[in-house]
Protein backbone atom coordinates (compact mmCIF):
# COMPACT_ATOMS: atom_id res chain seq x y z
CA MET A 1 -22.28 -3.44 38.34
CA LEU A 2 -19.05 -1.69 37.41
CA ASN A 3 -18.10 -0.90 33.83
CA ALA A 4 -14.54 -0.42 32.65
CA VAL A 5 -13.42 1.40 29.51
CA TYR A 6 -9.97 0.85 28.04
CA CYS A 7 -8.52 3.36 25.60
CA SER A 8 -5.58 2.75 23.29
CA SER A 9 -3.80 5.71 21.72
CA ASN A 10 -0.66 6.47 19.74
CA THR A 11 -0.17 9.60 21.87
CA ILE A 12 0.90 9.80 25.50
CA ASN A 13 -1.35 12.74 26.34
CA LEU A 14 -4.75 11.41 25.26
CA PRO A 15 -6.45 12.07 28.66
CA GLU A 16 -5.29 15.70 28.63
CA ARG A 17 -6.83 16.18 25.18
CA LEU A 18 -10.28 15.01 26.26
CA HIS A 19 -13.11 17.18 27.55
CA PRO A 20 -12.69 18.05 31.26
CA ARG A 21 -15.92 16.19 32.10
CA VAL A 22 -14.48 13.05 30.54
CA GLN A 23 -11.11 13.53 32.24
CA SER A 24 -12.75 13.69 35.67
CA ARG A 25 -14.23 10.21 35.18
CA LEU A 26 -11.02 8.56 34.06
CA GLY A 27 -8.86 6.47 36.33
CA ALA A 28 -5.25 7.37 36.97
CA GLU A 29 -3.71 4.17 35.64
CA ARG A 30 -1.77 4.23 32.40
CA CYS A 31 0.02 1.43 30.63
CA ILE A 32 2.76 2.76 28.36
CA PHE A 33 3.87 0.26 25.73
CA GLN A 34 7.59 0.36 25.07
CA SER A 35 8.96 0.59 21.54
CA TYR A 36 10.23 -2.53 19.81
CA LYS A 37 13.87 -3.36 20.28
CA ILE A 38 15.97 -4.23 17.24
CA GLN A 39 15.89 -7.98 17.91
CA GLU A 40 12.12 -7.86 18.31
CA VAL A 41 11.82 -6.15 14.93
CA VAL A 42 14.09 -8.81 13.42
CA ASP A 43 11.91 -11.58 14.87
CA ILE A 44 8.70 -9.98 13.59
CA LEU A 45 10.12 -9.41 10.12
CA ALA A 46 11.50 -12.94 9.94
CA PHE A 47 8.16 -14.41 10.99
CA ARG A 48 6.11 -12.34 8.54
CA LEU A 49 8.51 -12.82 5.64
CA SER A 50 8.91 -16.57 6.06
CA ARG A 51 7.27 -19.11 3.73
CA GLY A 52 5.01 -20.53 6.42
CA ARG A 53 4.15 -19.72 9.98
CA ASN A 54 6.73 -22.21 11.27
CA GLY A 55 9.19 -22.23 8.40
CA PRO A 56 12.58 -20.50 8.31
CA CYS A 57 12.92 -17.18 6.57
CA ASP A 58 15.09 -18.44 3.73
CA VAL A 59 12.83 -18.04 0.72
CA ALA A 60 13.10 -14.38 -0.22
CA PHE A 61 15.25 -12.62 2.37
CA ASP A 62 18.76 -13.24 3.59
CA THR A 63 18.97 -13.23 7.40
CA ASP A 64 21.59 -10.47 7.32
CA ALA A 65 19.30 -8.42 5.07
CA ILE A 66 16.51 -8.62 7.65
CA LEU A 67 18.87 -7.53 10.42
CA PHE A 68 20.15 -4.68 8.26
CA ALA A 69 16.58 -3.52 7.51
CA ALA A 70 15.75 -3.56 11.23
CA ARG A 71 18.83 -1.53 12.12
CA LYS A 72 18.29 0.84 9.20
CA THR A 73 14.78 1.54 10.44
CA ALA A 74 15.92 1.85 14.05
CA VAL A 75 18.24 4.71 13.19
CA PHE A 76 15.35 6.91 12.11
CA THR A 77 12.03 5.73 13.53
CA GLY A 78 10.26 3.45 15.95
CA ASP A 79 7.50 2.65 13.46
CA ILE A 80 7.77 -1.00 12.46
CA ARG A 81 5.63 -0.25 9.43
CA LYS A 82 8.65 1.51 7.96
CA ALA A 83 10.66 -1.69 8.27
CA PHE A 84 7.99 -3.57 6.31
CA GLN A 85 7.88 -0.76 3.76
CA LEU A 86 11.64 -1.01 3.31
CA CYS A 87 11.52 -4.79 2.88
CA ARG A 88 8.65 -4.55 0.43
CA ALA A 89 10.50 -1.98 -1.66
CA ALA A 90 13.61 -4.19 -1.69
CA ALA A 91 11.59 -7.23 -2.76
CA GLU A 92 9.93 -5.23 -5.55
CA CYS A 93 13.34 -4.14 -6.82
CA VAL A 94 14.56 -7.73 -6.90
CA ILE A 95 11.41 -8.99 -8.64
CA SER A 96 11.78 -6.23 -11.22
CA ASP A 97 15.41 -7.24 -11.83
CA ILE A 98 14.39 -10.88 -12.33
CA GLN A 99 11.60 -9.97 -14.73
CA MET A 100 13.95 -7.72 -16.72
CA GLY A 101 16.58 -10.44 -16.88
CA ARG A 102 19.11 -8.51 -14.81
CA ARG A 103 19.15 -11.24 -12.15
CA VAL A 104 18.87 -15.02 -12.34
CA LEU A 105 17.18 -17.16 -9.71
CA ALA A 106 18.89 -20.13 -8.15
CA GLU A 107 18.45 -23.46 -9.92
CA GLY A 108 14.82 -24.53 -9.83
CA GLY A 109 13.64 -21.01 -9.06
CA THR A 110 13.39 -21.65 -5.33
CA GLY A 111 15.62 -22.16 -2.32
CA GLY A 112 18.25 -19.51 -1.81
CA GLU A 113 18.02 -15.93 -0.66
CA ILE A 114 17.26 -13.36 -3.34
CA VAL A 115 17.00 -10.18 -1.25
CA ARG A 116 20.34 -9.20 0.25
CA ILE A 117 21.85 -6.21 2.03
CA PRO A 118 22.64 -4.27 -1.21
CA ASP A 119 18.96 -4.59 -2.15
CA ILE A 120 17.91 -3.11 1.19
CA GLN A 121 20.43 -0.29 0.69
CA ARG A 122 19.06 0.44 -2.78
CA ALA A 123 15.47 0.42 -1.50
CA ALA A 124 16.36 2.84 1.31
CA LYS A 125 17.95 5.18 -1.22
CA ASP A 126 14.93 4.97 -3.53
CA LEU A 127 12.55 5.80 -0.66
CA LEU A 128 14.47 9.05 -0.18
CA ASP A 129 14.67 9.77 -3.89
CA SER A 130 11.77 12.24 -4.01
CA PRO A 131 12.25 15.88 -5.10
CA LEU A 132 10.84 17.14 -1.79
CA LEU A 133 13.24 15.11 0.38
CA LYS A 134 16.15 16.02 -1.87
CA ALA A 135 15.28 19.67 -1.36
CA VAL A 136 15.15 19.13 2.42
CA ALA A 137 18.74 17.82 2.35
CA THR A 138 19.93 21.13 0.88
CA CYS A 139 17.68 23.55 2.77
CA SER A 140 18.98 26.65 4.55
CA SER A 141 19.70 26.84 8.26
CA PHE A 142 16.46 28.56 9.23
CA GLU A 143 14.41 26.33 6.91
CA ALA A 144 15.88 23.27 8.65
CA LEU A 145 15.17 24.84 12.03
CA VAL A 146 11.52 25.40 11.05
CA LEU A 147 11.13 21.81 9.80
CA VAL A 148 12.73 20.20 12.85
CA SER A 149 10.78 22.47 15.23
CA LEU A 150 7.49 21.52 13.58
CA ALA A 151 8.37 17.81 13.73
CA SER A 152 9.31 18.12 17.40
CA LEU A 153 6.09 19.97 18.20
CA ARG A 154 4.01 17.36 16.40
CA TRP A 155 5.57 14.58 18.45
CA SER A 156 5.45 16.34 21.82
CA SER A 157 1.91 17.71 21.42
CA GLY A 158 0.38 14.48 20.15
CA ARG A 159 -1.70 16.35 17.57
CA GLU A 160 -2.51 14.06 14.67
CA ASP A 161 -2.31 16.81 12.04
CA GLY A 162 0.64 18.48 13.75
CA ARG A 163 -0.67 21.99 13.15
CA CYS A 164 0.64 24.84 15.27
CA GLY A 165 0.54 28.62 15.31
CA VAL A 166 3.32 31.01 14.36
CA LYS A 167 4.00 32.10 17.95
CA GLU A 168 4.17 28.50 19.16
CA LEU A 169 6.57 27.64 16.35
CA LEU A 170 8.76 30.66 17.08
CA THR A 171 8.96 29.73 20.77
CA LYS A 172 10.00 26.18 19.86
CA MET A 173 12.61 27.44 17.39
CA ARG A 174 14.16 29.66 20.06
CA GLY A 175 14.31 26.78 22.52
CA ILE A 176 15.96 24.40 20.04
CA ALA A 177 18.41 26.96 18.68
CA ASN A 178 19.50 28.15 22.13
CA SER A 179 19.83 24.58 23.38
CA LEU A 180 21.96 23.52 20.42
CA GLY A 181 24.07 26.69 20.54
CA ASN A 182 25.10 26.41 16.88
CA PRO A 183 25.75 29.88 15.40
CA GLN A 184 24.17 28.93 12.07
CA TYR A 185 20.73 28.85 13.76
CA LEU A 186 21.23 32.06 15.74
CA PRO A 187 19.81 34.61 16.10
CA VAL A 188 16.38 33.11 15.49
CA PRO A 189 14.23 34.99 12.93
CA THR A 190 11.84 37.63 14.19
CA PHE A 191 8.08 37.15 14.00
CA ASP A 192 7.81 39.07 10.70
CA GLU A 193 10.80 37.23 9.23
CA LEU A 194 9.26 33.90 10.21
CA ILE A 195 5.97 34.82 8.50
CA ASP A 196 7.86 35.49 5.26
CA LEU A 197 9.87 32.28 5.68
CA VAL A 198 6.89 29.97 6.22
CA ASN A 199 5.07 31.58 3.28
CA ARG A 200 8.02 30.75 1.01
CA MET A 201 8.22 27.23 2.42
CA GLY A 202 4.49 26.82 1.85
CA GLU A 203 4.92 27.78 -1.80
CA ALA A 204 7.71 25.17 -2.04
CA ARG A 205 5.34 22.52 -0.56
CA PHE A 206 7.46 21.94 2.53
CA LEU A 207 4.52 23.15 4.62
CA THR A 208 0.77 23.54 4.45
CA LEU A 209 -0.62 26.86 5.66
CA ALA A 210 -4.25 27.17 6.68
CA THR A 211 -6.10 30.22 7.99
CA THR A 212 -9.24 29.48 10.02
CA LYS A 213 -11.88 31.62 11.74
CA MET A 214 -10.03 31.05 14.99
CA THR A 215 -6.62 32.12 13.66
CA ARG A 216 -8.01 34.91 11.45
CA VAL A 217 -4.80 36.57 10.20
CA TRP A 218 -1.92 34.24 11.05
CA PRO A 219 -2.00 30.75 9.56
CA LEU A 220 -1.73 27.37 11.21
CA ILE A 221 1.37 25.57 9.96
CA GLN A 222 1.60 21.87 9.14
CA LEU A 223 4.65 19.82 8.12
CA ASN A 224 4.19 17.93 4.85
CA MET A 225 6.33 14.89 5.70
CA ALA A 226 6.67 12.29 8.41
CA ASN A 227 9.20 12.86 11.18
CA ASP A 228 11.26 9.83 10.19
CA GLU A 229 11.36 10.98 6.56
CA LEU A 230 12.63 14.37 7.69
CA LYS A 231 15.32 12.80 9.85
CA MET A 232 16.43 10.50 7.04
CA ALA A 233 16.59 13.42 4.60
CA LEU A 234 18.79 15.46 6.96
CA GLN A 235 21.30 12.69 7.54
CA ASN A 236 24.73 13.43 6.05
CA SER A 237 23.78 17.10 5.71
CA ARG A 238 25.04 20.07 7.69
CA HIS A 239 21.84 19.85 9.73
CA GLN A 240 22.44 16.28 10.91
CA ASP A 241 23.16 17.29 14.52
CA LEU A 242 20.01 19.42 14.59
CA ALA A 243 17.91 16.42 13.52
CA ASN A 244 19.64 13.87 15.75
CA ASN A 245 19.29 16.02 18.88
CA ASN A 246 15.63 16.83 18.40
CA LEU A 247 14.15 13.94 16.42
CA LYS A 248 14.86 11.00 18.64
CA SER A 249 14.96 7.37 17.60
CA PHE A 250 12.62 5.06 19.50
CA LEU A 251 14.25 1.67 18.93
CA ILE A 252 17.18 0.50 21.02
């Protein structure tokens, strides 16, 4: 009798992260699930936000607002949960306006869209309206390089906590800076300069630094924000190209 084990993971390198004895017993077949396309996100949002399972989505959300939310999310992330988060925040803003008397429902209180594109825009702005993300938008060149390098390492390594060592971070920073060729990120800080930089960024809560028995002297470094939040915060800043080239979008 043959037994089969199926594993599902959010990382593409799960087999490589397992114990060698486990790897040797795994088959070679992998099924990589593609990211949602924009229209697929629109369909999922419309279905989940509709009044009933078969009803049209015309109770709370304008159709154009759903499409705008899907495209807004697609610019920064492939995580559909962010699209739902954006729609929920927009709906909460509208409900608050109605309760405060700043907005009036259609006659009868039903029928007619109440969440529109401006509401989605306001919700997106509010989601970025945290002191930490505001600080990211105005960070220095080397601070931005550290943040983007950590985000890129977290995605490529598949580590859930995203921690990495100082030498690994420095190597990644050199690769990104040399590839981009922008003088504002060159020359890359030295090892000692990077230690001072990450210590300051840790004090500012951009990063979490942890020293373990394995690392002894030099800390492991962890980014304190999601990759899509970082990319959103760097939009319309002087580091926009740095983020766009190294923090890829997953929806098409």
